[in-house]
Amino acid sequence: MTDVVDSDELLRRIQRARACAREELRTWRRKSEDLTRTDPDAAREAHVRGLAYEAVLGVLDEIVTPGHRTEPS
């Protein structure tokens, strides 16, 4: 990874990462909800993974729009 990128490309990459993190967060939240009744241990694992993506999303949001964190849907 020795590519040099300009600020616009860096911003595009961060925005793609935000979109990916947001989608992963939704996926893990959905899995956690689906597994709650049938497999509590797997539901907990899915919840923890969701929390990790929520943290990543928060950091990326803060980079792009300092002080204006968006709530994942």
PDB file of N, CA and C in Angstrom:
ATOM      1  N   MET A   1       0.833  -1.192   0.000  1.00  0.00           N
ATOM      2  CA  MET A   1       0.000   0.000   0.000  1.00  0.00           C
ATOM      3  C   MET A   1       0.871   1.246   0.000  1.00  0.00           C
ATOM      4  N   THR A   2       1.395   1.530  -1.146  1.00  0.00           N
ATOM      5  CA  THR A   2       2.214   2.726  -1.262  1.00  0.00           C
ATOM      6  C   THR A   2       1.542   3.769  -2.132  1.00  0.00           C
ATOM      7  N   ASP A   3       0.252   3.567  -2.408  1.00  0.00           N
ATOM      8  CA  ASP A   3      -0.480   4.536  -3.222  1.00  0.00           C
ATOM      9  C   ASP A   3      -0.647   5.851  -2.457  1.00  0.00           C
ATOM     10  N   VAL A   4      -0.458   6.925  -3.177  1.00  0.00           N
ATOM     11  CA  VAL A   4      -0.708   8.242  -2.613  1.00  0.00           C
ATOM     12  C   VAL A   4      -2.076   8.682  -3.114  1.00  0.00           C
ATOM     13  N   VAL A   5      -2.943   9.096  -2.191  1.00  0.00           N
ATOM     14  CA  VAL A   5      -4.285   9.520  -2.586  1.00  0.00           C
ATOM     15  C   VAL A   5      -4.514  10.950  -2.134  1.00  0.00           C
ATOM     16  N   ASP A   6      -5.345  11.649  -2.895  1.00  0.00           N
ATOM     17  CA  ASP A   6      -5.665  13.016  -2.515  1.00  0.00           C
ATOM     18  C   ASP A   6      -6.793  13.006  -1.484  1.00  0.00           C
ATOM     19  N   SER A   7      -7.097  14.159  -0.955  1.00  0.00           N
ATOM     20  CA  SER A   7      -8.090  14.255   0.114  1.00  0.00           C
ATOM     21  C   SER A   7      -9.484  13.833  -0.349  1.00  0.00           C
ATOM     22  N   ASP A   8      -9.826  14.097  -1.603  1.00  0.00           N
ATOM     23  CA  ASP A   8     -11.138  13.684  -2.109  1.00  0.00           C
ATOM     24  C   ASP A   8     -11.265  12.157  -2.143  1.00  0.00           C
ATOM     25  N   GLU A   9     -10.216  11.494  -2.594  1.00  0.00           N
ATOM     26  CA  GLU A   9     -10.233  10.034  -2.627  1.00  0.00           C
ATOM     27  C   GLU A   9     -10.274   9.465  -1.211  1.00  0.00           C
ATOM     28  N   LEU A  10      -9.540  10.054  -0.307  1.00  0.00           N
ATOM     29  CA  LEU A  10      -9.565   9.611   1.084  1.00  0.00           C
ATOM     30  C   LEU A  10     -10.967   9.744   1.666  1.00  0.00           C
ATOM     31  N   LEU A  11     -11.628  10.854   1.396  1.00  0.00           N
ATOM     32  CA  LEU A  11     -12.993  11.057   1.876  1.00  0.00           C
ATOM     33  C   LEU A  11     -13.941  10.024   1.266  1.00  0.00           C
ATOM     34  N   ARG A  12     -13.796   9.731  -0.012  1.00  0.00           N
ATOM     35  CA  ARG A  12     -14.641   8.708  -0.650  1.00  0.00           C
ATOM     36  C   ARG A  12     -14.441   7.350   0.009  1.00  0.00           C
ATOM     37  N   ARG A  13     -13.208   7.020   0.320  1.00  0.00           N
ATOM     38  CA  ARG A  13     -12.924   5.734   0.964  1.00  0.00           C
ATOM     39  C   ARG A  13     -13.527   5.678   2.364  1.00  0.00           C
ATOM     40  N   ILE A  14     -13.427   6.761   3.088  1.00  0.00           N
ATOM     41  CA  ILE A  14     -14.018   6.806   4.431  1.00  0.00           C
ATOM     42  C   ILE A  14     -15.531   6.687   4.338  1.00  0.00           C
ATOM     43  N   GLN A  15     -16.138   7.349   3.369  1.00  0.00           N
ATOM     44  CA  GLN A  15     -17.588   7.267   3.215  1.00  0.00           C
ATOM     45  C   GLN A  15     -18.036   5.850   2.842  1.00  0.00           C
ATOM     46  N   ARG A  16     -17.254   5.168   2.006  1.00  0.00           N
ATOM     47  CA  ARG A  16     -17.580   3.775   1.689  1.00  0.00           C
ATOM     48  C   ARG A  16     -17.461   2.901   2.933  1.00  0.00           C
ATOM     49  N   ALA A  17     -16.448   3.165   3.741  1.00  0.00           N
ATOM     50  CA  ALA A  17     -16.274   2.406   4.980  1.00  0.00           C
ATOM     51  C   ALA A  17     -17.435   2.668   5.933  1.00  0.00           C
ATOM     52  N   ARG A  18     -17.907   3.894   5.995  1.00  0.00           N
ATOM     53  CA  ARG A  18     -19.075   4.219   6.838  1.00  0.00           C
ATOM     54  C   ARG A  18     -20.299   3.451   6.376  1.00  0.00           C
ATOM     55  N   ALA A  19     -20.531   3.420   5.077  1.00  0.00           N
ATOM     56  CA  ALA A  19     -21.685   2.701   4.542  1.00  0.00           C
ATOM     57  C   ALA A  19     -21.588   1.207   4.860  1.00  0.00           C
ATOM     58  N   CYS A  20     -20.415   0.659   4.728  1.00  0.00           N
ATOM     59  CA  CYS A  20     -20.200  -0.755   5.028  1.00  0.00           C
ATOM     60  C   CYS A  20     -20.432  -1.021   6.521  1.00  0.00           C
ATOM     61  N   ALA A  21     -19.883  -0.183   7.382  1.00  0.00           N
ATOM     62  CA  ALA A  21     -20.058  -0.352   8.828  1.00  0.00           C
ATOM     63  C   ALA A  21     -21.524  -0.224   9.213  1.00  0.00           C
ATOM     64  N   ARG A  22     -22.228   0.708   8.593  1.00  0.00           N
ATOM     65  CA  ARG A  22     -23.656   0.887   8.886  1.00  0.00           C
ATOM     66  C   ARG A  22     -24.442  -0.372   8.503  1.00  0.00           C
ATOM     67  N   GLU A  23     -24.141  -0.941   7.343  1.00  0.00           N
ATOM     68  CA  GLU A  23     -24.827  -2.151   6.898  1.00  0.00           C
ATOM     69  C   GLU A  23     -24.496  -3.342   7.803  1.00  0.00           C
ATOM     70  N   GLU A  24     -23.244  -3.486   8.177  1.00  0.00           N
ATOM     71  CA  GLU A  24     -22.856  -4.570   9.084  1.00  0.00           C
ATOM     72  C   GLU A  24     -23.539  -4.418  10.440  1.00  0.00           C
ATOM     73  N   LEU A  25     -23.649  -3.196  10.928  1.00  0.00           N
ATOM     74  CA  LEU A  25     -24.336  -2.945  12.190  1.00  0.00           C
ATOM     75  C   LEU A  25     -25.785  -3.410  12.097  1.00  0.00           C
ATOM     76  N   ARG A  26     -26.460  -3.040  11.026  1.00  0.00           N
ATOM     77  CA  ARG A  26     -27.856  -3.469  10.835  1.00  0.00           C
ATOM     78  C   ARG A  26     -27.954  -4.999  10.791  1.00  0.00           C
ATOM     79  N   THR A  27     -27.028  -5.618  10.073  1.00  0.00           N
ATOM     80  CA  THR A  27     -27.036  -7.069   9.938  1.00  0.00           C
ATOM     81  C   THR A  27     -26.883  -7.747  11.297  1.00  0.00           C
ATOM     82  N   TRP A  28     -25.898  -7.304  12.083  1.00  0.00           N
ATOM     83  CA  TRP A  28     -25.663  -7.943  13.376  1.00  0.00           C
ATOM     84  C   TRP A  28     -26.779  -7.656  14.369  1.00  0.00           C
ATOM     85  N   ARG A  29     -27.389  -6.479  14.294  1.00  0.00           N
ATOM     86  CA  ARG A  29     -28.537  -6.195  15.160  1.00  0.00           C
ATOM     87  C   ARG A  29     -29.702  -7.120  14.808  1.00  0.00           C
ATOM     88  N   ARG A  30     -29.929  -7.291  13.525  1.00  0.00           N
ATOM     89  CA  ARG A  30     -31.010  -8.160  13.068  1.00  0.00           C
ATOM     90  C   ARG A  30     -30.760  -9.603  13.511  1.00  0.00           C
ATOM     91  N   LYS A  31     -29.512 -10.069  13.361  1.00  0.00           N
ATOM     92  CA  LYS A  31     -29.178 -11.422  13.794  1.00  0.00           C
ATOM     93  C   LYS A  31     -29.381 -11.583  15.291  1.00  0.00           C
ATOM     94  N   SER A  32     -28.966 -10.582  16.045  1.00  0.00           N
ATOM     95  CA  SER A  32     -29.131 -10.638  17.497  1.00  0.00           C
ATOM     96  C   SER A  32     -30.603 -10.764  17.869  1.00  0.00           C
ATOM     97  N   GLU A  33     -31.443  -9.967  17.238  1.00  0.00           N
ATOM     98  CA  GLU A  33     -32.883 -10.025  17.509  1.00  0.00           C
ATOM     99  C   GLU A  33     -33.464 -11.378  17.119  1.00  0.00           C
ATOM    100  N   ASP A  34     -33.055 -11.882  15.968  1.00  0.00           N
ATOM    101  CA  ASP A  34     -33.584 -13.164  15.482  1.00  0.00           C
ATOM    102  C   ASP A  34     -33.183 -14.331  16.377  1.00  0.00           C
ATOM    103  N   LEU A  35     -31.984 -14.270  16.951  1.00  0.00           N
ATOM    104  CA  LEU A  35     -31.465 -15.384  17.733  1.00  0.00           C
ATOM    105  C   LEU A  35     -31.828 -15.319  19.216  1.00  0.00           C
ATOM    106  N   THR A  36     -32.389 -14.226  19.669  1.00  0.00           N
ATOM    107  CA  THR A  36     -32.634 -14.031  21.095  1.00  0.00           C
ATOM    108  C   THR A  36     -33.408 -15.192  21.715  1.00  0.00           C
ATOM    109  N   ARG A  37     -34.454 -15.647  21.053  1.00  0.00           N
ATOM    110  CA  ARG A  37     -35.286 -16.711  21.634  1.00  0.00           C
ATOM    111  C   ARG A  37     -34.693 -18.099  21.431  1.00  0.00           C
ATOM    112  N   THR A  38     -34.063 -18.324  20.297  1.00  0.00           N
ATOM    113  CA  THR A  38     -33.615 -19.676  19.971  1.00  0.00           C
ATOM    114  C   THR A  38     -32.203 -20.003  20.439  1.00  0.00           C
ATOM    115  N   ASP A  39     -31.310 -19.020  20.448  1.00  0.00           N
ATOM    116  CA  ASP A  39     -29.911 -19.264  20.809  1.00  0.00           C
ATOM    117  C   ASP A  39     -29.332 -18.033  21.513  1.00  0.00           C
ATOM    118  N   PRO A  40     -29.547 -17.921  22.830  1.00  0.00           N
ATOM    119  CA  PRO A  40     -29.100 -16.738  23.565  1.00  0.00           C
ATOM    120  C   PRO A  40     -27.595 -16.461  23.467  1.00  0.00           C
ATOM    121  N   ASP A  41     -26.786 -17.523  23.440  1.00  0.00           N
ATOM    122  CA  ASP A  41     -25.333 -17.309  23.330  1.00  0.00           C
ATOM    123  C   ASP A  41     -24.957 -16.689  21.994  1.00  0.00           C
ATOM    124  N   ALA A  42     -25.543 -17.188  20.921  1.00  0.00           N
ATOM    125  CA  ALA A  42     -25.277 -16.624  19.594  1.00  0.00           C
ATOM    126  C   ALA A  42     -25.840 -15.212  19.500  1.00  0.00           C
ATOM    127  N   ALA A  43     -26.962 -14.966  20.163  1.00  0.00           N
ATOM    128  CA  ALA A  43     -27.545 -13.620  20.171  1.00  0.00           C
ATOM    129  C   ALA A  43     -26.603 -12.637  20.862  1.00  0.00           C
ATOM    130  N   ARG A  44     -25.995 -13.080  21.970  1.00  0.00           N
ATOM    131  CA  ARG A  44     -25.032 -12.221  22.671  1.00  0.00           C
ATOM    132  C   ARG A  44     -23.820 -11.917  21.797  1.00  0.00           C
ATOM    133  N   GLU A  45     -23.334 -12.946  21.118  1.00  0.00           N
ATOM    134  CA  GLU A  45     -22.196 -12.770  20.207  1.00  0.00           C
ATOM    135  C   GLU A  45     -22.537 -11.777  19.102  1.00  0.00           C
ATOM    136  N   ALA A  46     -23.711 -11.917  18.525  1.00  0.00           N
ATOM    137  CA  ALA A  46     -24.141 -10.990  17.477  1.00  0.00           C
ATOM    138  C   ALA A  46     -24.267  -9.571  18.027  1.00  0.00           C
ATOM    139  N   HIS A  47     -24.761  -9.457  19.261  1.00  0.00           N
ATOM    140  CA  HIS A  47     -24.891  -8.138  19.884  1.00  0.00           C
ATOM    141  C   HIS A  47     -23.516  -7.480  20.061  1.00  0.00           C
ATOM    142  N   VAL A  48     -22.541  -8.257  20.517  1.00  0.00           N
ATOM    143  CA  VAL A  48     -21.185  -7.726  20.715  1.00  0.00           C
ATOM    144  C   VAL A  48     -20.584  -7.294  19.378  1.00  0.00           C
ATOM    145  N   ARG A  49     -20.791  -8.092  18.352  1.00  0.00           N
ATOM    146  CA  ARG A  49     -20.280  -7.711  17.027  1.00  0.00           C
ATOM    147  C   ARG A  49     -20.950  -6.420  16.546  1.00  0.00           C
ATOM    148  N   GLY A  50     -22.229  -6.285  16.819  1.00  0.00           N
ATOM    149  CA  GLY A  50     -22.935  -5.051  16.480  1.00  0.00           C
ATOM    150  C   GLY A  50     -22.350  -3.857  17.205  1.00  0.00           C
ATOM    151  N   LEU A  51     -22.015  -4.042  18.477  1.00  0.00           N
ATOM    152  CA  LEU A  51     -21.403  -2.950  19.241  1.00  0.00           C
ATOM    153  C   LEU A  51     -20.059  -2.540  18.648  1.00  0.00           C
ATOM    154  N   ALA A  52     -19.307  -3.517  18.161  1.00  0.00           N
ATOM    155  CA  ALA A  52     -18.016  -3.199  17.539  1.00  0.00           C
ATOM    156  C   ALA A  52     -18.217  -2.342  16.296  1.00  0.00           C
ATOM    157  N   TYR A  53     -19.191  -2.725  15.462  1.00  0.00           N
ATOM    158  CA  TYR A  53     -19.453  -1.927  14.261  1.00  0.00           C
ATOM    159  C   TYR A  53     -20.029  -0.560  14.621  1.00  0.00           C
ATOM    160  N   GLU A  54     -20.774  -0.482  15.696  1.00  0.00           N
ATOM    161  CA  GLU A  54     -21.293   0.813  16.139  1.00  0.00           C
ATOM    162  C   GLU A  54     -20.145   1.741  16.534  1.00  0.00           C
ATOM    163  N   ALA A  55     -19.128   1.193  17.192  1.00  0.00           N
ATOM    164  CA  ALA A  55     -17.960   1.991  17.567  1.00  0.00           C
ATOM    165  C   ALA A  55     -17.201   2.460  16.324  1.00  0.00           C
ATOM    166  N   VAL A  56     -17.011   1.564  15.369  1.00  0.00           N
ATOM    167  CA  VAL A  56     -16.325   1.925  14.122  1.00  0.00           C
ATOM    168  C   VAL A  56     -17.094   3.022  13.407  1.00  0.00           C
ATOM    169  N   LEU A  57     -18.401   2.865  13.324  1.00  0.00           N
ATOM    170  CA  LEU A  57     -19.239   3.867  12.666  1.00  0.00           C
ATOM    171  C   LEU A  57     -19.123   5.220  13.372  1.00  0.00           C
ATOM    172  N   GLY A  58     -19.094   5.204  14.692  1.00  0.00           N
ATOM    173  CA  GLY A  58     -18.951   6.451  15.438  1.00  0.00           C
ATOM    174  C   GLY A  58     -17.642   7.164  15.142  1.00  0.00           C
ATOM    175  N   VAL A  59     -16.566   6.411  15.052  1.00  0.00           N
ATOM    176  CA  VAL A  59     -15.256   7.007  14.749  1.00  0.00           C
ATOM    177  C   VAL A  59     -15.246   7.596  13.343  1.00  0.00           C
ATOM    178  N   LEU A  60     -15.757   6.840  12.374  1.00  0.00           N
ATOM    179  CA  LEU A  60     -15.776   7.335  10.995  1.00  0.00           C
ATOM    180  C   LEU A  60     -16.691   8.552  10.853  1.00  0.00           C
ATOM    181  N   ASP A  61     -17.817   8.546  11.546  1.00  0.00           N
ATOM    182  CA  ASP A  61     -18.710   9.716  11.541  1.00  0.00           C
ATOM    183  C   ASP A  61     -17.992  10.942  12.089  1.00  0.00           C
ATOM    184  N   GLU A  62     -17.243  10.748  13.154  1.00  0.00           N
ATOM    185  CA  GLU A  62     -16.542  11.872  13.784  1.00  0.00           C
ATOM    186  C   GLU A  62     -15.453  12.424  12.863  1.00  0.00           C
ATOM    187  N   ILE A  63     -14.828  11.575  12.072  1.00  0.00           N
ATOM    188  CA  ILE A  63     -13.810  12.029  11.124  1.00  0.00           C
ATOM    189  C   ILE A  63     -14.441  12.908  10.049  1.00  0.00           C
ATOM    190  N   VAL A  64     -15.578  12.446   9.505  1.00  0.00           N
ATOM    191  CA  VAL A  64     -16.202  13.144   8.381  1.00  0.00           C
ATOM    192  C   VAL A  64     -16.969  14.383   8.837  1.00  0.00           C
ATOM    193  N   THR A  65     -17.709  14.258   9.926  1.00  0.00           N
ATOM    194  CA  THR A  65     -18.535  15.377  10.411  1.00  0.00           C
ATOM    195  C   THR A  65     -18.323  15.528  11.924  1.00  0.00           C
ATOM    196  N   PRO A  66     -17.241  16.161  12.329  1.00  0.00           N
ATOM    197  CA  PRO A  66     -16.947  16.301  13.761  1.00  0.00           C
ATOM    198  C   PRO A  66     -18.107  16.929  14.528  1.00  0.00           C
ATOM    199  N   GLY A  67     -18.493  16.253  15.594  1.00  0.00           N
ATOM    200  CA  GLY A  67     -19.538  16.790  16.457  1.00  0.00           C
ATOM    201  C   GLY A  67     -20.955  16.529  15.985  1.00  0.00           C
ATOM    202  N   HIS A  68     -21.124  15.876  14.848  1.00  0.00           N
ATOM    203  CA  HIS A  68     -22.466  15.637  14.292  1.00  0.00           C
ATOM    204  C   HIS A  68     -22.650  14.157  14.005  1.00  0.00           C
ATOM    205  N   ARG A  69     -22.573  13.338  15.032  1.00  0.00           N
ATOM    206  CA  ARG A  69     -22.696  11.883  14.849  1.00  0.00           C
ATOM    207  C   ARG A  69     -24.102  11.536  14.405  1.00  0.00           C
ATOM    208  N   THR A  70     -24.194  10.689  13.363  1.00  0.00           N
ATOM    209  CA  THR A  70     -25.500  10.224  12.904  1.00  0.00           C
ATOM    210  C   THR A  70     -25.836   8.935  13.615  1.00  0.00           C
ATOM    211  N   GLU A  71     -27.108   8.718  13.830  1.00  0.00           N
ATOM    212  CA  GLU A  71     -27.575   7.494  14.463  1.00  0.00           C
ATOM    213  C   GLU A  71     -27.809   6.440  13.380  1.00  0.00           C
ATOM    214  N   PRO A  72     -27.272   5.240  13.585  1.00  0.00           N
ATOM    215  CA  PRO A  72     -27.514   4.184  12.602  1.00  0.00           C
ATOM    216  C   PRO A  72     -28.976   3.772  12.625  1.00  0.00           C
ATOM    217  N   SER A  73     -29.493   3.398  11.460  1.00  0.00           N
ATOM    218  CA  SER A  73     -30.892   2.978  11.423  1.00  0.00           C
ATOM    219  C   SER A  73     -31.011   1.491  11.238  1.00  0.00           C
TER     220      SER A  73
END
